[in-house]
C-alpha atoms as a PDB file:
ATOM      1  CA  MET A   1      19.500 170.465 245.415  1.00  0.00           C
ATOM      2  CA  ALA A   2      15.938 169.214 245.175  1.00  0.00           C
ATOM      3  CA  LEU A   3      12.474 168.905 246.685  1.00  0.00           C
ATOM      4  CA  GLU A   4      10.234 165.493 247.410  1.00  0.00           C
ATOM      5  CA  GLY A   5      10.178 163.488 244.334  1.00  0.00           C
ATOM      6  CA  GLY A   6      12.754 165.287 242.182  1.00  0.00           C
ATOM      7  CA  ARG A   7      10.986 168.731 241.672  1.00  0.00           C
ATOM      8  CA  GLU A   8      12.365 171.751 241.594  1.00  0.00           C
ATOM      9  CA  GLU A   9       9.064 173.687 242.841  1.00  0.00           C
ATOM     10  CA  ILE A  10       6.071 173.235 244.187  1.00  0.00           C
ATOM     11  CA  ILE A  11       3.020 176.047 244.339  1.00  0.00           C
ATOM     12  CA  SER A  12       0.353 175.602 246.653  1.00  0.00           C
ATOM     13  CA  GLY A  13      -2.101 178.707 246.568  1.00  0.00           C
ATOM     14  CA  LEU A  14      -0.348 181.779 247.053  1.00  0.00           C
ATOM     15  CA  THR A  15       2.831 180.095 248.404  1.00  0.00           C
ATOM     16  CA  ILE A  16       5.999 178.651 246.452  1.00  0.00           C
ATOM     17  CA  LEU A  17       8.615 176.316 247.859  1.00  0.00           C
ATOM     18  CA  ARG A  18      11.435 176.654 245.362  1.00  0.00           C
ATOM     19  CA  VAL A  19      14.773 175.600 245.814  1.00  0.00           C
ATOM     20  CA  GLY A  20      17.199 178.505 246.975  1.00  0.00           C
ATOM     21  CA  GLU A  21      14.291 180.737 247.847  1.00  0.00           C
ATOM     22  CA  SER A  22      12.601 181.119 251.630  1.00  0.00           C
ATOM     23  CA  ILE A  23      10.169 178.840 252.575  1.00  0.00           C
ATOM     24  CA  ASN A  24       6.580 179.591 251.554  1.00  0.00           C
ATOM     25  CA  SER A  25       7.415 182.506 249.717  1.00  0.00           C
ATOM     26  CA  ILE A  26       4.414 184.302 247.978  1.00  0.00           C
ATOM     27  CA  TYR A  27       3.494 183.199 244.438  1.00  0.00           C
ATOM     28  CA  VAL A  28       1.674 185.616 242.272  1.00  0.00           C
ATOM     29  CA  VAL A  29       1.044 186.588 238.880  1.00  0.00           C
ATOM     30  CA  PRO A  30       2.221 190.804 238.078  1.00  0.00           C
ATOM     31  CA  TYR A  31      -1.174 192.536 237.612  1.00  0.00           C
ATOM     32  CA  ALA A  32      -0.971 194.911 234.932  1.00  0.00           C
ATOM     33  CA  GLY A  33      -4.570 196.494 235.158  1.00  0.00           C
ATOM     34  CA  VAL A  34      -8.203 196.442 234.027  1.00  0.00           C
ATOM     35  CA  ASN A  35      -8.918 195.957 230.135  1.00  0.00           C
ATOM     36  CA  PRO A  36     -10.979 199.579 228.943  1.00  0.00           C
ATOM     37  CA  GLU A  37     -12.979 197.929 226.637  1.00  0.00           C
ATOM     38  CA  ASN A  38     -14.302 194.922 228.259  1.00  0.00           C
ATOM     39  CA  GLY A  39     -13.198 195.110 232.368  1.00  0.00           C
ATOM     40  CA  ASN A  40     -11.216 191.778 232.066  1.00  0.00           C
ATOM     41  CA  GLN A  41      -8.154 191.934 234.256  1.00  0.00           C
ATOM     42  CA  LEU A  42      -4.706 191.855 232.425  1.00  0.00           C
ATOM     43  CA  PHE A  43      -1.809 190.072 233.890  1.00  0.00           C
ATOM     44  CA  ILE A  44       1.940 190.138 232.481  1.00  0.00           C
ATOM     45  CA  ASN A  45       3.397 186.699 231.406  1.00  0.00           C
ATOM     46  CA  GLN A  46       6.797 185.566 231.322  1.00  0.00           C
ATOM     47  CA  GLN A  47       7.936 187.390 228.463  1.00  0.00           C
ATOM     48  CA  GLY A  48       6.971 190.990 230.052  1.00  0.00           C
ATOM     49  CA  LYS A  49       3.886 191.347 227.967  1.00  0.00           C
END
């Protein structure tokens, strides 16, 4: 099963349409805190780093 145009997911802002999940699930990147050296936000990537 696929969405319009053969895509498996459609990301729109903070929501995602993905085959097999609830409609308009929340789509956010895991937050890891703040870099104490420069104040930049830190996020966790797909490899968990």
